Amino acid sequence: MVALIEGSKAPDFQLKTSRDKVQSLGQALARFPLVLITIFKVHCPVCQLTLPYIQRLHAGLKAAGAPDRPEHASPLPDESPLLVVCQDSQDETREFIEQYGLTMPVLVDDNLDVTLAYGLTNVPSLFLVRADYTIESTIVGFDKSALVSAAGRLAGEDFALFTSEENTTLPAFRPG
């Protein structure tokens, strides 16, 4: 099975965060025109490379305020157009959050239900999903230009996901 591709419909899902709050794709899509789903595993080196930049995107979105949200949708404390999903246990997920200083909510998919629904064989896998559940883009592994594009779609074209030094030192791509 291959990860869902651009143009596919993203399956809805509902998972608990590492803090025992329930979040779903449907809830996020009701509040944001685009949602970025990032699925990872704590012991994956390419995930460890990618997640700090997803955290940077989260911090940038929080600092700028929530992007375009339908007028009827009220803000929530953990509201974000980012759904970060960990394939590991709640304890391993919490350790990873602490080790990497993540402040964004991280959902726990320890039964791999979301992983299987999205057809994953590699992580990290990222999906930029439109409000109608259509997958706009799929990223498998660390793909610097695809990450910049997704960040630009969520935070605006002027958002700098990578510093100028990181742009020259980071690899363009690493497979997951």
N, C-alpha and C. Protein backbone atom coordinates (compact mmCIF):
# COMPACT_ATOMS: atom_id res chain seq x y z
N MET A 1 0.84 -1.18 0.00
CA MET A 1 0.00 0.00 0.00
C MET A 1 0.88 1.24 0.00
N VAL A 2 0.54 2.23 -0.82
CA VAL A 2 1.29 3.47 -0.96
C VAL A 2 0.56 4.57 -0.21
N ALA A 3 1.32 5.52 0.37
CA ALA A 3 0.71 6.65 1.06
C ALA A 3 -0.26 7.37 0.11
N LEU A 4 -1.33 7.91 0.69
CA LEU A 4 -2.32 8.63 -0.10
C LEU A 4 -1.65 9.77 -0.87
N ILE A 5 -2.06 9.97 -2.10
CA ILE A 5 -1.42 10.95 -2.97
C ILE A 5 -2.31 12.18 -3.16
N GLU A 6 -1.74 13.20 -3.78
CA GLU A 6 -2.46 14.41 -4.09
C GLU A 6 -3.75 14.07 -4.84
N GLY A 7 -4.84 14.72 -4.45
CA GLY A 7 -6.12 14.50 -5.08
C GLY A 7 -6.97 13.45 -4.37
N SER A 8 -6.35 12.62 -3.54
CA SER A 8 -7.10 11.63 -2.76
C SER A 8 -7.87 12.33 -1.65
N LYS A 9 -8.89 11.66 -1.14
CA LYS A 9 -9.62 12.16 0.01
C LYS A 9 -8.93 11.67 1.29
N ALA A 10 -8.69 12.58 2.20
CA ALA A 10 -8.06 12.23 3.47
C ALA A 10 -9.10 11.63 4.40
N PRO A 11 -8.84 10.46 4.95
CA PRO A 11 -9.77 9.88 5.92
C PRO A 11 -9.82 10.73 7.20
N ASP A 12 -11.02 10.94 7.71
CA ASP A 12 -11.15 11.64 8.98
C ASP A 12 -10.64 10.72 10.08
N PHE A 13 -10.19 11.30 11.15
CA PHE A 13 -9.75 10.51 12.30
C PHE A 13 -9.90 11.34 13.56
N GLN A 14 -9.92 10.65 14.66
CA GLN A 14 -10.00 11.27 15.98
C GLN A 14 -9.05 10.53 16.89
N LEU A 15 -8.15 11.26 17.52
CA LEU A 15 -7.17 10.66 18.43
C LEU A 15 -7.02 11.53 19.68
N LYS A 16 -6.50 10.92 20.73
CA LYS A 16 -6.17 11.67 21.94
C LYS A 16 -4.77 12.25 21.79
N THR A 17 -4.59 13.43 22.39
CA THR A 17 -3.26 14.00 22.44
C THR A 17 -2.49 13.34 23.59
N SER A 18 -1.23 13.68 23.68
CA SER A 18 -0.42 13.17 24.79
C SER A 18 -0.92 13.72 26.13
N ARG A 19 -1.78 14.74 26.07
CA ARG A 19 -2.38 15.32 27.28
C ARG A 19 -3.83 14.86 27.48
N ASP A 20 -4.23 13.81 26.76
CA ASP A 20 -5.56 13.20 26.87
C ASP A 20 -6.71 14.07 26.37
N LYS A 21 -6.44 15.02 25.49
CA LYS A 21 -7.50 15.79 24.85
C LYS A 21 -7.76 15.15 23.49
N VAL A 22 -9.01 15.11 23.09
CA VAL A 22 -9.35 14.51 21.81
C VAL A 22 -9.36 15.57 20.71
N GLN A 23 -8.72 15.26 19.59
CA GLN A 23 -8.74 16.13 18.42
C GLN A 23 -9.04 15.29 17.20
N SER A 24 -9.64 15.94 16.21
CA SER A 24 -9.94 15.22 14.97
C SER A 24 -9.59 16.08 13.76
N LEU A 25 -9.42 15.41 12.65
CA LEU A 25 -9.18 16.13 11.39
C LEU A 25 -10.40 16.98 11.07
N GLY A 26 -11.59 16.43 11.24
CA GLY A 26 -12.81 17.17 10.94
C GLY A 26 -12.91 18.47 11.72
N GLN A 27 -12.56 18.43 13.01
CA GLN A 27 -12.59 19.65 13.83
C GLN A 27 -11.61 20.69 13.29
N ALA A 28 -10.42 20.25 12.95
CA ALA A 28 -9.41 21.18 12.43
C ALA A 28 -9.84 21.77 11.10
N LEU A 29 -10.41 20.94 10.22
CA LEU A 29 -10.83 21.43 8.91
C LEU A 29 -12.04 22.37 9.01
N ALA A 30 -12.82 22.24 10.06
CA ALA A 30 -13.94 23.16 10.27
C ALA A 30 -13.43 24.55 10.67
N ARG A 31 -12.20 24.62 11.15
CA ARG A 31 -11.65 25.88 11.63
C ARG A 31 -10.60 26.49 10.70
N PHE A 32 -10.00 25.68 9.86
CA PHE A 32 -8.92 26.16 9.00
C PHE A 32 -9.12 25.69 7.56
N PRO A 33 -8.75 26.53 6.58
CA PRO A 33 -8.90 26.13 5.18
C PRO A 33 -7.91 25.06 4.75
N LEU A 34 -6.78 24.96 5.46
CA LEU A 34 -5.77 23.94 5.19
C LEU A 34 -5.26 23.40 6.52
N VAL A 35 -5.00 22.10 6.56
CA VAL A 35 -4.44 21.45 7.74
C VAL A 35 -3.26 20.60 7.29
N LEU A 36 -2.17 20.68 8.03
CA LEU A 36 -1.00 19.85 7.75
C LEU A 36 -0.95 18.73 8.77
N ILE A 37 -1.06 17.50 8.29
CA ILE A 37 -0.94 16.31 9.14
C ILE A 37 0.50 15.82 9.02
N THR A 38 1.16 15.61 10.14
CA THR A 38 2.52 15.08 10.16
C THR A 38 2.51 13.80 11.00
N ILE A 39 2.88 12.68 10.39
CA ILE A 39 2.88 11.40 11.08
C ILE A 39 4.34 10.96 11.23
N PHE A 40 4.71 10.60 12.47
CA PHE A 40 6.11 10.29 12.74
C PHE A 40 6.24 9.20 13.80
N LYS A 41 7.48 8.75 13.97
CA LYS A 41 7.86 7.76 14.98
C LYS A 41 9.05 8.34 15.75
N VAL A 42 9.07 8.17 17.06
CA VAL A 42 10.08 8.84 17.89
C VAL A 42 11.51 8.40 17.59
N HIS A 43 11.73 7.16 17.21
CA HIS A 43 13.09 6.67 17.00
C HIS A 43 13.56 6.80 15.56
N CYS A 44 12.80 7.46 14.72
CA CYS A 44 13.14 7.66 13.31
C CYS A 44 14.04 8.89 13.17
N PRO A 45 15.29 8.71 12.68
CA PRO A 45 16.21 9.84 12.54
C PRO A 45 15.68 10.94 11.60
N VAL A 46 14.98 10.56 10.55
CA VAL A 46 14.46 11.56 9.63
C VAL A 46 13.30 12.33 10.28
N CYS A 47 12.54 11.66 11.13
CA CYS A 47 11.49 12.34 11.90
C CYS A 47 12.12 13.32 12.88
N GLN A 48 13.21 12.91 13.50
CA GLN A 48 13.92 13.78 14.44
C GLN A 48 14.49 15.01 13.73
N LEU A 49 14.83 14.87 12.46
CA LEU A 49 15.28 16.01 11.65
C LEU A 49 14.10 16.92 11.32
N THR A 50 12.96 16.36 11.02
CA THR A 50 11.80 17.11 10.53
C THR A 50 11.02 17.82 11.62
N LEU A 51 10.78 17.17 12.74
CA LEU A 51 9.85 17.70 13.76
C LEU A 51 10.24 19.06 14.32
N PRO A 52 11.51 19.39 14.51
CA PRO A 52 11.81 20.75 14.99
C PRO A 52 11.32 21.84 14.03
N TYR A 53 11.26 21.55 12.74
CA TYR A 53 10.78 22.54 11.78
C TYR A 53 9.26 22.63 11.78
N ILE A 54 8.61 21.52 12.08
CA ILE A 54 7.15 21.57 12.26
C ILE A 54 6.85 22.38 13.53
N GLN A 55 7.66 22.22 14.57
CA GLN A 55 7.52 23.03 15.78
C GLN A 55 7.74 24.51 15.45
N ARG A 56 8.74 24.82 14.64
CA ARG A 56 9.00 26.21 14.24
C ARG A 56 7.78 26.78 13.50
N LEU A 57 7.19 25.99 12.63
CA LEU A 57 5.98 26.42 11.92
C LEU A 57 4.86 26.68 12.92
N HIS A 58 4.69 25.78 13.88
CA HIS A 58 3.66 25.94 14.92
C HIS A 58 3.87 27.25 15.67
N ALA A 59 5.11 27.51 16.09
CA ALA A 59 5.41 28.74 16.83
C ALA A 59 5.14 29.98 15.97
N GLY A 60 5.48 29.90 14.69
CA GLY A 60 5.23 31.02 13.78
C GLY A 60 3.74 31.28 13.59
N LEU A 61 2.97 30.22 13.49
CA LEU A 61 1.52 30.36 13.34
C LEU A 61 0.91 30.95 14.61
N LYS A 62 1.37 30.49 15.78
CA LYS A 62 0.86 31.00 17.05
C LYS A 62 1.20 32.49 17.19
N ALA A 63 2.42 32.87 16.83
CA ALA A 63 2.84 34.26 16.96
C ALA A 63 2.05 35.18 16.03
N ALA A 64 1.70 34.67 14.86
CA ALA A 64 0.97 35.48 13.87
C ALA A 64 -0.53 35.49 14.14
N GLY A 65 -1.00 34.62 15.03
CA GLY A 65 -2.44 34.48 15.24
C GLY A 65 -2.97 33.44 14.29
N ALA A 66 -4.16 32.96 14.57
CA ALA A 66 -4.75 31.91 13.75
C ALA A 66 -4.96 32.41 12.32
N PRO A 67 -4.60 31.60 11.32
CA PRO A 67 -4.85 31.99 9.94
C PRO A 67 -6.35 31.98 9.66
N ASP A 68 -6.69 32.37 8.45
CA ASP A 68 -8.10 32.48 8.07
C ASP A 68 -8.94 31.39 8.69
N ARG A 69 -9.91 31.80 9.47
CA ARG A 69 -10.80 30.87 10.15
C ARG A 69 -12.22 31.31 9.84
N PRO A 70 -13.12 30.40 9.56
CA PRO A 70 -14.51 30.82 9.35
C PRO A 70 -14.99 31.63 10.55
N GLU A 71 -15.81 32.66 10.27
CA GLU A 71 -16.27 33.56 11.33
C GLU A 71 -16.98 32.83 12.46
N HIS A 72 -17.69 31.73 12.16
CA HIS A 72 -18.46 31.02 13.19
C HIS A 72 -17.60 30.12 14.07
N ALA A 73 -16.35 29.94 13.71
CA ALA A 73 -15.49 29.03 14.48
C ALA A 73 -14.74 29.81 15.55
N SER A 74 -14.98 29.46 16.79
CA SER A 74 -14.30 30.16 17.88
C SER A 74 -12.95 29.52 18.16
N PRO A 75 -11.98 30.31 18.61
CA PRO A 75 -10.65 29.75 18.88
C PRO A 75 -10.66 28.81 20.08
N LEU A 76 -9.82 27.83 20.03
CA LEU A 76 -9.63 26.88 21.12
C LEU A 76 -8.21 27.02 21.64
N PRO A 77 -7.95 26.63 22.89
CA PRO A 77 -6.60 26.79 23.44
C PRO A 77 -5.51 26.11 22.61
N ASP A 78 -5.75 24.91 22.12
CA ASP A 78 -4.75 24.18 21.35
C ASP A 78 -5.00 24.27 19.85
N GLU A 79 -5.79 25.27 19.43
CA GLU A 79 -6.17 25.38 18.03
C GLU A 79 -4.95 25.58 17.14
N SER A 80 -4.87 24.78 16.11
CA SER A 80 -3.75 24.86 15.18
C SER A 80 -4.12 24.14 13.90
N PRO A 81 -3.62 24.64 12.76
CA PRO A 81 -3.82 23.90 11.51
C PRO A 81 -2.81 22.77 11.34
N LEU A 82 -2.13 22.42 12.43
CA LEU A 82 -1.17 21.32 12.40
C LEU A 82 -1.69 20.18 13.25
N LEU A 83 -1.77 18.99 12.67
CA LEU A 83 -2.09 17.78 13.42
C LEU A 83 -0.86 16.89 13.36
N VAL A 84 -0.20 16.77 14.47
CA VAL A 84 1.04 15.99 14.56
C VAL A 84 0.69 14.67 15.24
N VAL A 85 0.97 13.57 14.55
CA VAL A 85 0.53 12.25 14.99
C VAL A 85 1.75 11.35 15.20
N CYS A 86 1.86 10.81 16.42
CA CYS A 86 2.98 9.92 16.75
C CYS A 86 2.49 8.47 16.77
N GLN A 87 3.27 7.58 16.19
CA GLN A 87 2.93 6.17 16.13
C GLN A 87 3.30 5.40 17.39
N ASP A 88 3.92 6.06 18.35
CA ASP A 88 4.42 5.38 19.53
C ASP A 88 3.45 5.50 20.71
N SER A 89 3.82 4.87 21.83
CA SER A 89 2.99 4.91 23.03
C SER A 89 2.91 6.33 23.59
N GLN A 90 1.96 6.53 24.46
CA GLN A 90 1.79 7.84 25.08
C GLN A 90 3.05 8.23 25.86
N ASP A 91 3.64 7.29 26.59
CA ASP A 91 4.85 7.58 27.36
C ASP A 91 6.02 7.97 26.46
N GLU A 92 6.23 7.20 25.38
CA GLU A 92 7.32 7.52 24.45
C GLU A 92 7.07 8.87 23.78
N THR A 93 5.81 9.15 23.46
CA THR A 93 5.46 10.43 22.85
C THR A 93 5.77 11.58 23.80
N ARG A 94 5.38 11.44 25.05
CA ARG A 94 5.67 12.49 26.05
C ARG A 94 7.17 12.73 26.19
N GLU A 95 7.95 11.65 26.21
CA GLU A 95 9.41 11.79 26.31
C GLU A 95 9.97 12.55 25.12
N PHE A 96 9.47 12.24 23.93
CA PHE A 96 9.92 12.91 22.71
C PHE A 96 9.56 14.39 22.77
N ILE A 97 8.35 14.70 23.20
CA ILE A 97 7.90 16.09 23.32
C ILE A 97 8.84 16.86 24.24
N GLU A 98 9.17 16.26 25.36
CA GLU A 98 10.06 16.91 26.32
C GLU A 98 11.47 17.06 25.75
N GLN A 99 11.99 16.00 25.15
CA GLN A 99 13.35 16.02 24.62
C GLN A 99 13.51 17.08 23.53
N TYR A 100 12.49 17.24 22.67
CA TYR A 100 12.59 18.17 21.54
C TYR A 100 11.94 19.52 21.82
N GLY A 101 11.42 19.71 23.03
CA GLY A 101 10.83 20.99 23.41
C GLY A 101 9.61 21.38 22.59
N LEU A 102 8.80 20.39 22.25
CA LEU A 102 7.62 20.66 21.44
C LEU A 102 6.52 21.28 22.29
N THR A 103 5.90 22.31 21.77
CA THR A 103 4.79 22.95 22.46
C THR A 103 3.46 22.70 21.75
N MET A 104 3.51 22.13 20.58
CA MET A 104 2.29 21.84 19.83
C MET A 104 1.66 20.55 20.35
N PRO A 105 0.35 20.42 20.24
CA PRO A 105 -0.29 19.17 20.63
C PRO A 105 0.19 18.03 19.73
N VAL A 106 0.42 16.87 20.32
CA VAL A 106 0.83 15.69 19.56
C VAL A 106 -0.18 14.59 19.84
N LEU A 107 -0.77 14.08 18.78
CA LEU A 107 -1.77 13.01 18.88
C LEU A 107 -1.06 11.66 18.91
N VAL A 108 -1.66 10.71 19.61
CA VAL A 108 -1.05 9.39 19.77
C VAL A 108 -1.83 8.35 18.98
N ASP A 109 -1.13 7.70 18.03
CA ASP A 109 -1.72 6.66 17.17
C ASP A 109 -1.03 5.33 17.46
N ASP A 110 -1.02 4.94 18.75
CA ASP A 110 -0.30 3.73 19.13
C ASP A 110 -0.92 2.45 18.59
N ASN A 111 -2.18 2.50 18.15
CA ASN A 111 -2.79 1.33 17.50
C ASN A 111 -2.60 1.35 15.98
N LEU A 112 -1.99 2.42 15.48
CA LEU A 112 -1.67 2.60 14.05
C LEU A 112 -2.91 2.70 13.16
N ASP A 113 -4.04 3.09 13.70
CA ASP A 113 -5.25 3.23 12.90
C ASP A 113 -5.10 4.29 11.81
N VAL A 114 -4.55 5.45 12.17
CA VAL A 114 -4.37 6.52 11.19
C VAL A 114 -3.28 6.12 10.20
N THR A 115 -2.22 5.54 10.69
CA THR A 115 -1.12 5.07 9.84
C THR A 115 -1.65 4.14 8.74
N LEU A 116 -2.48 3.20 9.12
CA LEU A 116 -3.04 2.26 8.14
C LEU A 116 -4.03 2.94 7.21
N ALA A 117 -4.86 3.84 7.74
CA ALA A 117 -5.85 4.54 6.90
C ALA A 117 -5.17 5.39 5.84
N TYR A 118 -3.98 5.90 6.16
CA TYR A 118 -3.26 6.76 5.20
C TYR A 118 -2.26 5.97 4.36
N GLY A 119 -2.20 4.65 4.56
CA GLY A 119 -1.37 3.79 3.72
C GLY A 119 0.12 4.01 3.88
N LEU A 120 0.56 4.26 5.11
CA LEU A 120 1.97 4.60 5.30
C LEU A 120 2.87 3.38 5.41
N THR A 121 4.00 3.49 4.75
CA THR A 121 5.08 2.53 4.92
C THR A 121 6.35 3.23 5.39
N ASN A 122 6.38 4.56 5.29
CA ASN A 122 7.54 5.35 5.69
C ASN A 122 7.08 6.55 6.51
N VAL A 123 7.95 6.95 7.43
CA VAL A 123 7.74 8.18 8.18
C VAL A 123 9.04 8.97 8.16
N PRO A 124 8.95 10.28 8.28
CA PRO A 124 7.73 11.05 8.43
C PRO A 124 6.95 11.10 7.12
N SER A 125 5.65 11.19 7.26
CA SER A 125 4.76 11.42 6.13
C SER A 125 3.87 12.60 6.49
N LEU A 126 3.75 13.54 5.57
CA LEU A 126 2.98 14.76 5.80
C LEU A 126 1.95 14.91 4.69
N PHE A 127 0.79 15.41 5.08
CA PHE A 127 -0.31 15.60 4.15
C PHE A 127 -0.90 16.99 4.36
N LEU A 128 -0.91 17.81 3.32
CA LEU A 128 -1.57 19.10 3.37
C LEU A 128 -2.99 18.89 2.84
N VAL A 129 -3.98 19.11 3.71
CA VAL A 129 -5.37 18.74 3.42
C VAL A 129 -6.24 19.99 3.36
N ARG A 130 -7.05 20.09 2.30
CA ARG A 130 -8.01 21.20 2.14
C ARG A 130 -9.27 20.92 2.95
N ALA A 131 -10.07 21.96 3.13
CA ALA A 131 -11.30 21.88 3.93
C ALA A 131 -12.28 20.82 3.42
N ASP A 132 -12.20 20.48 2.13
CA ASP A 132 -13.09 19.44 1.59
C ASP A 132 -12.47 18.04 1.69
N TYR A 133 -11.40 17.91 2.49
CA TYR A 133 -10.68 16.66 2.75
C TYR A 133 -9.80 16.21 1.58
N THR A 134 -9.65 17.03 0.56
CA THR A 134 -8.78 16.67 -0.55
C THR A 134 -7.33 16.91 -0.15
N ILE A 135 -6.48 15.93 -0.42
CA ILE A 135 -5.05 16.07 -0.13
C ILE A 135 -4.43 16.92 -1.24
N GLU A 136 -3.91 18.06 -0.84
CA GLU A 136 -3.27 18.98 -1.78
C GLU A 136 -1.84 18.55 -2.08
N SER A 137 -1.14 18.08 -1.04
CA SER A 137 0.22 17.57 -1.27
C SER A 137 0.57 16.51 -0.24
N THR A 138 1.43 15.61 -0.66
CA THR A 138 1.94 14.54 0.20
C THR A 138 3.46 14.65 0.22
N ILE A 139 4.02 14.60 1.40
CA ILE A 139 5.48 14.64 1.56
C ILE A 139 5.89 13.40 2.35
N VAL A 140 6.80 12.62 1.80
CA VAL A 140 7.31 11.45 2.51
C VAL A 140 8.81 11.64 2.69
N GLY A 141 9.25 11.61 3.95
CA GLY A 141 10.64 11.89 4.25
C GLY A 141 10.84 13.38 4.51
N PHE A 142 12.11 13.80 4.55
CA PHE A 142 12.45 15.20 4.72
C PHE A 142 12.70 15.78 3.35
N ASP A 143 11.82 16.64 2.88
CA ASP A 143 11.93 17.28 1.57
C ASP A 143 11.88 18.78 1.80
N LYS A 144 13.05 19.41 1.79
CA LYS A 144 13.15 20.82 2.17
C LYS A 144 12.25 21.72 1.35
N SER A 145 12.25 21.57 0.04
CA SER A 145 11.43 22.47 -0.79
C SER A 145 9.94 22.21 -0.58
N ALA A 146 9.54 20.96 -0.40
CA ALA A 146 8.12 20.66 -0.15
C ALA A 146 7.68 21.20 1.21
N LEU A 147 8.56 21.13 2.21
CA LEU A 147 8.24 21.69 3.52
C LEU A 147 8.10 23.20 3.45
N VAL A 148 8.97 23.86 2.71
CA VAL A 148 8.88 25.31 2.54
C VAL A 148 7.56 25.67 1.85
N SER A 149 7.19 24.91 0.85
CA SER A 149 5.94 25.16 0.14
C SER A 149 4.73 24.99 1.07
N ALA A 150 4.70 23.91 1.84
CA ALA A 150 3.59 23.68 2.76
C ALA A 150 3.53 24.78 3.82
N ALA A 151 4.68 25.16 4.36
CA ALA A 151 4.72 26.23 5.37
C ALA A 151 4.22 27.54 4.77
N GLY A 152 4.59 27.81 3.53
CA GLY A 152 4.12 29.01 2.86
C GLY A 152 2.62 29.02 2.65
N ARG A 153 2.06 27.87 2.35
CA ARG A 153 0.60 27.76 2.17
C ARG A 153 -0.12 28.02 3.48
N LEU A 154 0.47 27.62 4.61
CA LEU A 154 -0.17 27.77 5.91
C LEU A 154 0.11 29.12 6.57
N ALA A 155 1.34 29.60 6.47
CA ALA A 155 1.75 30.79 7.21
C ALA A 155 2.01 32.00 6.33
N GLY A 156 1.91 31.84 5.03
CA GLY A 156 2.20 32.94 4.12
C GLY A 156 3.56 32.77 3.47
N GLU A 157 3.68 33.26 2.26
CA GLU A 157 4.91 33.06 1.48
C GLU A 157 6.14 33.69 2.13
N ASP A 158 5.94 34.66 3.00
CA ASP A 158 7.09 35.33 3.64
C ASP A 158 7.62 34.57 4.85
N PHE A 159 6.92 33.52 5.26
CA PHE A 159 7.36 32.77 6.44
C PHE A 159 8.66 32.03 6.13
N ALA A 160 9.65 32.20 6.99
CA ALA A 160 10.96 31.54 6.81
C ALA A 160 11.02 30.30 7.69
N LEU A 161 10.81 29.14 7.09
CA LEU A 161 10.88 27.89 7.85
C LEU A 161 12.32 27.56 8.23
N PHE A 162 13.24 27.88 7.34
CA PHE A 162 14.66 27.60 7.56
C PHE A 162 15.44 28.90 7.59
N THR A 163 16.47 28.95 8.43
CA THR A 163 17.36 30.11 8.43
C THR A 163 18.23 30.05 7.18
N SER A 164 18.92 31.13 6.87
CA SER A 164 19.79 31.12 5.68
C SER A 164 20.90 30.08 5.84
N GLU A 165 21.40 29.92 7.07
CA GLU A 165 22.43 28.90 7.30
C GLU A 165 21.85 27.49 7.09
N GLU A 166 20.64 27.24 7.61
CA GLU A 166 20.01 25.93 7.43
C GLU A 166 19.73 25.66 5.95
N ASN A 167 19.40 26.71 5.20
CA ASN A 167 19.15 26.53 3.77
C ASN A 167 20.39 26.02 3.04
N THR A 168 21.56 26.36 3.55
CA THR A 168 22.79 25.89 2.89
C THR A 168 23.33 24.61 3.48
N THR A 169 23.00 24.31 4.75
CA THR A 169 23.61 23.15 5.39
C THR A 169 22.71 21.91 5.44
N LEU A 170 21.40 22.13 5.45
CA LEU A 170 20.49 20.98 5.51
C LEU A 170 20.42 20.26 4.18
N PRO A 171 20.22 18.96 4.20
CA PRO A 171 20.07 18.24 2.93
C PRO A 171 18.76 18.65 2.25
N ALA A 172 18.74 18.59 0.94
CA ALA A 172 17.52 18.90 0.20
C ALA A 172 16.47 17.82 0.45
N PHE A 173 16.93 16.58 0.62
CA PHE A 173 16.00 15.47 0.80
C PHE A 173 16.67 14.36 1.61
N ARG A 174 15.88 13.75 2.46
CA ARG A 174 16.28 12.53 3.17
C ARG A 174 15.07 11.60 3.15
N PRO A 175 15.24 10.39 2.67
CA PRO A 175 14.11 9.46 2.67
C PRO A 175 13.75 9.03 4.08
N GLY A 176 12.48 8.75 4.29
CA GLY A 176 12.00 8.30 5.60
C GLY A 176 12.12 6.81 5.72
